[in-house]
Protein backbone atom coordinates (compact mmCIF):
# COMPACT_ATOMS: atom_id res chain seq x y z
CA UNK A 1 0.00 0.00 0.00
CA UNK A 2 1.15 3.52 -0.79
CA UNK A 3 2.70 5.34 2.20
CA UNK A 4 0.59 8.45 1.55
CA UNK A 5 -2.56 6.32 1.51
CA UNK A 6 -1.56 4.79 4.86
CA UNK A 7 -1.03 8.27 6.32
CA UNK A 8 -4.44 9.36 5.04
CA UNK A 9 -6.13 6.37 6.68
CA UNK A 10 -4.30 7.09 9.92
CA UNK A 11 -5.37 10.74 9.80
CA UNK A 12 -8.98 9.72 9.24
CA UNK A 13 -8.89 7.39 12.22
CA UNK A 14 -7.37 10.05 14.46
CA UNK A 15 -9.85 12.68 13.22
CA UNK A 16 -12.78 10.35 13.90
CA UNK A 17 -11.50 9.53 17.39
CA UNK A 18 -10.96 13.22 18.19
CA UNK A 19 -14.39 14.19 16.87
CA UNK A 20 -16.03 11.40 18.90
CA UNK A 21 -14.21 12.63 22.01
CA UNK A 22 -15.47 16.18 21.58
CA UNK A 23 -19.01 15.08 20.69
CA UNK A 24 -19.22 13.46 24.12
CA UNK A 25 -18.29 16.69 25.94
CA UNK A 26 -19.11 20.37 26.11
CA UNK A 27 -15.51 21.01 25.10
CA UNK A 28 -11.92 20.60 26.25
CA UNK A 29 -8.35 21.58 25.48
CA UNK A 30 -6.18 19.44 23.20
CA UNK A 31 -4.12 18.24 26.16
CA UNK A 32 -7.12 16.56 27.81
CA UNK A 33 -8.10 14.91 24.54
CA UNK A 34 -4.54 13.67 23.98
CA UNK A 35 -4.40 12.22 27.49
CA UNK A 36 -7.76 10.49 27.06
CA UNK A 37 -6.88 9.01 23.65
CA UNK A 38 -3.29 8.18 24.58
CA UNK A 39 -1.86 10.13 21.64
CA UNK A 40 0.70 12.90 21.33
CA UNK A 41 -0.81 16.37 21.76
CA UNK A 42 0.70 17.54 18.47
CA UNK A 43 -1.30 14.87 16.60
CA UNK A 44 -4.47 16.04 18.34
CA UNK A 45 -3.73 19.69 17.51
CA UNK A 46 -3.19 18.85 13.84
CA UNK A 47 -6.41 16.86 13.81
CA UNK A 48 -8.32 19.73 15.42
CA UNK A 49 -7.01 22.11 12.76
CA UNK A 50 -8.18 19.75 10.00
CA UNK A 51 -11.59 19.43 11.67
CA UNK A 52 -11.80 23.21 12.05
CA UNK A 53 -11.12 23.71 8.33
CA UNK A 54 -13.99 21.29 7.63
CA UNK A 55 -16.26 23.29 9.96
CA UNK A 56 -16.75 20.50 12.50
CA UNK A 57 -15.11 22.10 15.54
CA UNK A 58 -14.51 25.64 16.76
CA UNK A 59 -11.83 27.06 19.03
CA UNK A 60 -12.13 29.61 21.82
CA UNK A 61 -8.52 30.22 22.76
CA UNK A 62 -7.09 26.81 23.67
CA UNK A 63 -10.59 25.42 24.32
CA UNK A 64 -12.18 23.35 21.54
CA UNK A 65 -15.77 22.23 21.06
CA UNK A 66 -18.04 20.79 18.39
CA UNK A 67 -19.33 23.44 16.00
CA UNK A 68 -22.95 24.46 16.59
PDB file of N, CA and C in Angstrom:
ATOM      1  N   UNK A   1       0.842  -1.182   0.000  1.00  0.00           N
ATOM      2  CA  UNK A   1       0.000   0.000   0.000  1.00  0.00           C
ATOM      3  C   UNK A   1       0.884   1.242   0.000  1.00  0.00           C
ATOM      4  N   UNK A   2       0.434   2.250  -0.694  1.00  0.00           N
ATOM      5  CA  UNK A   2       1.150   3.519  -0.788  1.00  0.00           C
ATOM      6  C   UNK A   2       1.269   4.175   0.589  1.00  0.00           C
ATOM      7  N   UNK A   3       2.450   4.708   0.895  1.00  0.00           N
ATOM      8  CA  UNK A   3       2.697   5.344   2.197  1.00  0.00           C
ATOM      9  C   UNK A   3       1.753   6.517   2.433  1.00  0.00           C
ATOM     10  N   UNK A   4       1.510   7.319   1.402  1.00  0.00           N
ATOM     11  CA  UNK A   4       0.590   8.453   1.554  1.00  0.00           C
ATOM     12  C   UNK A   4      -0.824   7.983   1.860  1.00  0.00           C
ATOM     13  N   UNK A   5      -1.229   6.880   1.251  1.00  0.00           N
ATOM     14  CA  UNK A   5      -2.559   6.320   1.509  1.00  0.00           C
ATOM     15  C   UNK A   5      -2.652   5.853   2.957  1.00  0.00           C
ATOM     16  N   UNK A   6      -1.583   5.241   3.469  1.00  0.00           N
ATOM     17  CA  UNK A   6      -1.565   4.786   4.861  1.00  0.00           C
ATOM     18  C   UNK A   6      -1.664   5.977   5.804  1.00  0.00           C
ATOM     19  N   UNK A   7      -0.956   7.063   5.494  1.00  0.00           N
ATOM     20  CA  UNK A   7      -1.033   8.271   6.317  1.00  0.00           C
ATOM     21  C   UNK A   7      -2.442   8.839   6.324  1.00  0.00           C
ATOM     22  N   UNK A   8      -3.083   8.825   5.158  1.00  0.00           N
ATOM     23  CA  UNK A   8      -4.442   9.363   5.042  1.00  0.00           C
ATOM     24  C   UNK A   8      -5.418   8.542   5.883  1.00  0.00           C
ATOM     25  N   UNK A   9      -5.277   7.229   5.867  1.00  0.00           N
ATOM     26  CA  UNK A   9      -6.134   6.369   6.683  1.00  0.00           C
ATOM     27  C   UNK A   9      -5.893   6.656   8.154  1.00  0.00           C
ATOM     28  N   UNK A  10      -4.639   6.798   8.533  1.00  0.00           N
ATOM     29  CA  UNK A  10      -4.300   7.090   9.919  1.00  0.00           C
ATOM     30  C   UNK A  10      -4.889   8.431  10.347  1.00  0.00           C
ATOM     31  N   UNK A  11      -4.800   9.431   9.488  1.00  0.00           N
ATOM     32  CA  UNK A  11      -5.372  10.745   9.798  1.00  0.00           C
ATOM     33  C   UNK A  11      -6.874  10.648   9.992  1.00  0.00           C
ATOM     34  N   UNK A  12      -7.535   9.889   9.121  1.00  0.00           N
ATOM     35  CA  UNK A  12      -8.983   9.721   9.235  1.00  0.00           C
ATOM     36  C   UNK A  12      -9.355   9.082  10.565  1.00  0.00           C
ATOM     37  N   UNK A  13      -8.607   8.069  10.959  1.00  0.00           N
ATOM     38  CA  UNK A  13      -8.894   7.386  12.220  1.00  0.00           C
ATOM     39  C   UNK A  13      -8.696   8.318  13.405  1.00  0.00           C
ATOM     40  N   UNK A  14      -7.626   9.095  13.372  1.00  0.00           N
ATOM     41  CA  UNK A  14      -7.375  10.053  14.459  1.00  0.00           C
ATOM     42  C   UNK A  14      -8.470  11.115  14.470  1.00  0.00           C
ATOM     43  N   UNK A  15      -8.804  11.651  13.293  1.00  0.00           N
ATOM     44  CA  UNK A  15      -9.849  12.679  13.215  1.00  0.00           C
ATOM     45  C   UNK A  15     -11.175  12.158  13.757  1.00  0.00           C
ATOM     46  N   UNK A  16     -11.530  10.933  13.406  1.00  0.00           N
ATOM     47  CA  UNK A  16     -12.778  10.351  13.902  1.00  0.00           C
ATOM     48  C   UNK A  16     -12.748  10.169  15.410  1.00  0.00           C
ATOM     49  N   UNK A  17     -11.623   9.712  15.942  1.00  0.00           N
ATOM     50  CA  UNK A  17     -11.503   9.527  17.391  1.00  0.00           C
ATOM     51  C   UNK A  17     -11.585  10.865  18.117  1.00  0.00           C
ATOM     52  N   UNK A  18     -10.933  11.884  17.574  1.00  0.00           N
ATOM     53  CA  UNK A  18     -10.963  13.216  18.191  1.00  0.00           C
ATOM     54  C   UNK A  18     -12.378  13.784  18.139  1.00  0.00           C
ATOM     55  N   UNK A  19     -13.034  13.665  17.001  1.00  0.00           N
ATOM     56  CA  UNK A  19     -14.390  14.187  16.875  1.00  0.00           C
ATOM     57  C   UNK A  19     -15.343  13.464  17.829  1.00  0.00           C
ATOM     58  N   UNK A  20     -15.205  12.162  17.957  1.00  0.00           N
ATOM     59  CA  UNK A  20     -16.032  11.403  18.904  1.00  0.00           C
ATOM     60  C   UNK A  20     -15.785  11.864  20.330  1.00  0.00           C
ATOM     61  N   UNK A  21     -14.537  12.139  20.662  1.00  0.00           N
ATOM     62  CA  UNK A  21     -14.207  12.625  22.006  1.00  0.00           C
ATOM     63  C   UNK A  21     -14.929  13.941  22.290  1.00  0.00           C
ATOM     64  N   UNK A  22     -14.863  14.867  21.359  1.00  0.00           N
ATOM     65  CA  UNK A  22     -15.474  16.183  21.576  1.00  0.00           C
ATOM     66  C   UNK A  22     -16.997  16.143  21.495  1.00  0.00           C
ATOM     67  N   UNK A  23     -17.552  15.206  20.741  1.00  0.00           N
ATOM     68  CA  UNK A  23     -19.015  15.078  20.693  1.00  0.00           C
ATOM     69  C   UNK A  23     -19.573  14.628  22.042  1.00  0.00           C
ATOM     70  N   UNK A  24     -18.774  13.938  22.821  1.00  0.00           N
ATOM     71  CA  UNK A  24     -19.218  13.458  24.121  1.00  0.00           C
ATOM     72  C   UNK A  24     -19.024  14.458  25.247  1.00  0.00           C
ATOM     73  N   UNK A  25     -18.579  15.673  24.926  1.00  0.00           N
ATOM     74  CA  UNK A  25     -18.285  16.692  25.937  1.00  0.00           C
ATOM     75  C   UNK A  25     -18.756  18.060  25.487  1.00  0.00           C
ATOM     76  N   UNK A  26     -18.809  18.973  26.452  1.00  0.00           N
ATOM     77  CA  UNK A  26     -19.113  20.367  26.110  1.00  0.00           C
ATOM     78  C   UNK A  26     -17.920  21.022  25.436  1.00  0.00           C
ATOM     79  N   UNK A  27     -16.735  20.484  25.668  1.00  0.00           N
ATOM     80  CA  UNK A  27     -15.510  21.014  25.097  1.00  0.00           C
ATOM     81  C   UNK A  27     -14.336  20.681  25.989  1.00  0.00           C
ATOM     82  N   UNK A  28     -13.132  20.879  25.482  1.00  0.00           N
ATOM     83  CA  UNK A  28     -11.916  20.595  26.247  1.00  0.00           C
ATOM     84  C   UNK A  28     -10.715  21.126  25.481  1.00  0.00           C
ATOM     85  N   UNK A  29      -9.579  21.186  26.162  1.00  0.00           N
ATOM     86  CA  UNK A  29      -8.348  21.580  25.477  1.00  0.00           C
ATOM     87  C   UNK A  29      -7.731  20.333  24.831  1.00  0.00           C
ATOM     88  N   UNK A  30      -6.811  20.543  23.922  1.00  0.00           N
ATOM     89  CA  UNK A  30      -6.179  19.440  23.197  1.00  0.00           C
ATOM     90  C   UNK A  30      -5.421  18.510  24.140  1.00  0.00           C
ATOM     91  N   UNK A  31      -4.878  19.058  25.208  1.00  0.00           N
ATOM     92  CA  UNK A  31      -4.116  18.245  26.161  1.00  0.00           C
ATOM     93  C   UNK A  31      -4.999  17.168  26.793  1.00  0.00           C
ATOM     94  N   UNK A  32      -6.211  17.534  27.203  1.00  0.00           N
ATOM     95  CA  UNK A  32      -7.122  16.555  27.810  1.00  0.00           C
ATOM     96  C   UNK A  32      -7.505  15.473  26.813  1.00  0.00           C
ATOM     97  N   UNK A  33      -7.755  15.874  25.577  1.00  0.00           N
ATOM     98  CA  UNK A  33      -8.097  14.905  24.538  1.00  0.00           C
ATOM     99  C   UNK A  33      -6.933  13.953  24.289  1.00  0.00           C
ATOM    100  N   UNK A  34      -5.731  14.492  24.211  1.00  0.00           N
ATOM    101  CA  UNK A  34      -4.543  13.668  23.975  1.00  0.00           C
ATOM    102  C   UNK A  34      -4.346  12.666  25.104  1.00  0.00           C
ATOM    103  N   UNK A  35      -4.546  13.115  26.340  1.00  0.00           N
ATOM    104  CA  UNK A  35      -4.404  12.225  27.488  1.00  0.00           C
ATOM    105  C   UNK A  35      -5.446  11.117  27.433  1.00  0.00           C
ATOM    106  N   UNK A  36      -6.678  11.474  27.125  1.00  0.00           N
ATOM    107  CA  UNK A  36      -7.761  10.489  27.065  1.00  0.00           C
ATOM    108  C   UNK A  36      -7.522   9.453  25.961  1.00  0.00           C
ATOM    109  N   UNK A  37      -7.078   9.914  24.791  1.00  0.00           N
ATOM    110  CA  UNK A  37      -6.881   9.013  23.653  1.00  0.00           C
ATOM    111  C   UNK A  37      -5.520   8.321  23.664  1.00  0.00           C
ATOM    112  N   UNK A  38      -4.613   8.783  24.510  1.00  0.00           N
ATOM    113  CA  UNK A  38      -3.287   8.181  24.576  1.00  0.00           C
ATOM    114  C   UNK A  38      -2.419   8.514  23.376  1.00  0.00           C
ATOM    115  N   UNK A  39      -2.637   9.690  22.796  1.00  0.00           N
ATOM    116  CA  UNK A  39      -1.861  10.127  21.638  1.00  0.00           C
ATOM    117  C   UNK A  39      -1.074  11.379  21.988  1.00  0.00           C
ATOM    118  N   UNK A  40      -0.104  11.699  21.144  1.00  0.00           N
ATOM    119  CA  UNK A  40       0.697  12.904  21.332  1.00  0.00           C
ATOM    120  C   UNK A  40      -0.167  14.138  21.078  1.00  0.00           C
ATOM    121  N   UNK A  41       0.000  15.171  21.889  1.00  0.00           N
ATOM    122  CA  UNK A  41      -0.809  16.373  21.755  1.00  0.00           C
ATOM    123  C   UNK A  41      -0.661  17.021  20.389  1.00  0.00           C
ATOM    124  N   UNK A  42       0.514  16.930  19.791  1.00  0.00           N
ATOM    125  CA  UNK A  42       0.705  17.543  18.467  1.00  0.00           C
ATOM    126  C   UNK A  42      -0.181  16.869  17.413  1.00  0.00           C
ATOM    127  N   UNK A  43      -0.398  15.564  17.527  1.00  0.00           N
ATOM    128  CA  UNK A  43      -1.304  14.873  16.599  1.00  0.00           C
ATOM    129  C   UNK A  43      -2.736  15.348  16.792  1.00  0.00           C
ATOM    130  N   UNK A  44      -3.121  15.559  18.044  1.00  0.00           N
ATOM    131  CA  UNK A  44      -4.468  16.039  18.344  1.00  0.00           C
ATOM    132  C   UNK A  44      -4.650  17.455  17.802  1.00  0.00           C
ATOM    133  N   UNK A  45      -3.649  18.306  18.001  1.00  0.00           N
ATOM    134  CA  UNK A  45      -3.732  19.687  17.512  1.00  0.00           C
ATOM    135  C   UNK A  45      -3.858  19.732  15.993  1.00  0.00           C
ATOM    136  N   UNK A  46      -3.100  18.900  15.304  1.00  0.00           N
ATOM    137  CA  UNK A  46      -3.193  18.849  13.842  1.00  0.00           C
ATOM    138  C   UNK A  46      -4.572  18.366  13.409  1.00  0.00           C
ATOM    139  N   UNK A  47      -5.082  17.371  14.111  1.00  0.00           N
ATOM    140  CA  UNK A  47      -6.412  16.861  13.809  1.00  0.00           C
ATOM    141  C   UNK A  47      -7.470  17.933  14.034  1.00  0.00           C
ATOM    142  N   UNK A  48      -7.364  18.659  15.138  1.00  0.00           N
ATOM    143  CA  UNK A  48      -8.325  19.728  15.421  1.00  0.00           C
ATOM    144  C   UNK A  48      -8.286  20.808  14.346  1.00  0.00           C
ATOM    145  N   UNK A  49      -7.108  21.123  13.836  1.00  0.00           N
ATOM    146  CA  UNK A  49      -7.006  22.111  12.757  1.00  0.00           C
ATOM    147  C   UNK A  49      -7.692  21.606  11.489  1.00  0.00           C
ATOM    148  N   UNK A  50      -7.507  20.313  11.173  1.00  0.00           N
ATOM    149  CA  UNK A  50      -8.183  19.745   9.996  1.00  0.00           C
ATOM    150  C   UNK A  50      -9.700  19.793  10.186  1.00  0.00           C
ATOM    151  N   UNK A  51     -10.157  19.417  11.383  1.00  0.00           N
ATOM    152  CA  UNK A  51     -11.592  19.426  11.671  1.00  0.00           C
ATOM    153  C   UNK A  51     -12.149  20.848  11.644  1.00  0.00           C
ATOM    154  N   UNK A  52     -11.364  21.808  12.088  1.00  0.00           N
ATOM    155  CA  UNK A  52     -11.798  23.210  12.051  1.00  0.00           C
ATOM    156  C   UNK A  52     -11.961  23.679  10.606  1.00  0.00           C
ATOM    157  N   UNK A  53     -11.023  23.312   9.744  1.00  0.00           N
ATOM    158  CA  UNK A  53     -11.117  23.705   8.328  1.00  0.00           C
ATOM    159  C   UNK A  53     -12.357  23.104   7.666  1.00  0.00           C
ATOM    160  N   UNK A  54     -12.783  21.936   8.164  1.00  0.00           N
ATOM    161  CA  UNK A  54     -13.993  21.293   7.634  1.00  0.00           C
ATOM    162  C   UNK A  54     -15.260  21.807   8.317  1.00  0.00           C
ATOM    163  N   UNK A  55     -15.105  22.697   9.294  1.00  0.00           N
ATOM    164  CA  UNK A  55     -16.255  23.291   9.965  1.00  0.00           C
ATOM    165  C   UNK A  55     -16.900  22.419  11.025  1.00  0.00           C
ATOM    166  N   UNK A  56     -16.165  21.422  11.527  1.00  0.00           N
ATOM    167  CA  UNK A  56     -16.746  20.495  12.500  1.00  0.00           C
ATOM    168  C   UNK A  56     -16.477  20.876  13.949  1.00  0.00           C
ATOM    169  N   UNK A  57     -15.420  21.638  14.191  1.00  0.00           N
ATOM    170  CA  UNK A  57     -15.113  22.103  15.543  1.00  0.00           C
ATOM    171  C   UNK A  57     -14.761  23.589  15.488  1.00  0.00           C
ATOM    172  N   UNK A  58     -14.893  24.234  16.641  1.00  0.00           N
ATOM    173  CA  UNK A  58     -14.513  25.644  16.760  1.00  0.00           C
ATOM    174  C   UNK A  58     -13.609  25.792  17.977  1.00  0.00           C
ATOM    175  N   UNK A  59     -12.770  26.811  17.931  1.00  0.00           N
ATOM    176  CA  UNK A  59     -11.833  27.063  19.030  1.00  0.00           C
ATOM    177  C   UNK A  59     -12.175  28.377  19.705  1.00  0.00           C
ATOM    178  N   UNK A  60     -12.034  28.381  21.018  1.00  0.00           N
ATOM    179  CA  UNK A  60     -12.126  29.606  21.818  1.00  0.00           C
ATOM    180  C   UNK A  60     -10.855  29.645  22.650  1.00  0.00           C
ATOM    181  N   UNK A  61      -9.827  30.266  22.108  1.00  0.00           N
ATOM    182  CA  UNK A  61      -8.515  30.221  22.756  1.00  0.00           C
ATOM    183  C   UNK A  61      -7.953  28.815  22.609  1.00  0.00           C
ATOM    184  N   UNK A  62      -7.611  28.187  23.721  1.00  0.00           N
ATOM    185  CA  UNK A  62      -7.093  26.814  23.672  1.00  0.00           C
ATOM    186  C   UNK A  62      -8.199  25.789  23.930  1.00  0.00           C
ATOM    187  N   UNK A  63      -9.437  26.256  24.028  1.00  0.00           N
ATOM    188  CA  UNK A  63     -10.594  25.419  24.322  1.00  0.00           C
ATOM    189  C   UNK A  63     -11.309  25.084  23.018  1.00  0.00           C
ATOM    190  N   UNK A  64     -11.544  23.801  22.768  1.00  0.00           N
ATOM    191  CA  UNK A  64     -12.184  23.349  21.537  1.00  0.00           C
ATOM    192  C   UNK A  64     -13.533  22.731  21.856  1.00  0.00           C
ATOM    193  N   UNK A  65     -14.477  22.881  20.910  1.00  0.00           N
ATOM    194  CA  UNK A  65     -15.771  22.225  21.058  1.00  0.00           C
ATOM    195  C   UNK A  65     -16.360  21.968  19.678  1.00  0.00           C
ATOM    196  N   UNK A  66     -17.375  21.111  19.646  1.00  0.00           N
ATOM    197  CA  UNK A  66     -18.037  20.787  18.388  1.00  0.00           C
ATOM    198  C   UNK A  66     -18.758  22.033  17.891  1.00  0.00           C
ATOM    199  N   UNK A  67     -18.677  22.260  16.594  1.00  0.00           N
ATOM    200  CA  UNK A  67     -19.325  23.437  15.998  1.00  0.00           C
ATOM    201  C   UNK A  67     -20.837  23.336  16.163  1.00  0.00           C
ATOM    202  N   UNK A  68     -21.482  24.472  16.423  1.00  0.00           N
ATOM    203  CA  UNK A  68     -22.947  24.463  16.587  1.00  0.00           C
ATOM    204  C   UNK A  68     -23.661  24.177  15.273  1.00  0.00           C
TER     205      UNK A  68
END
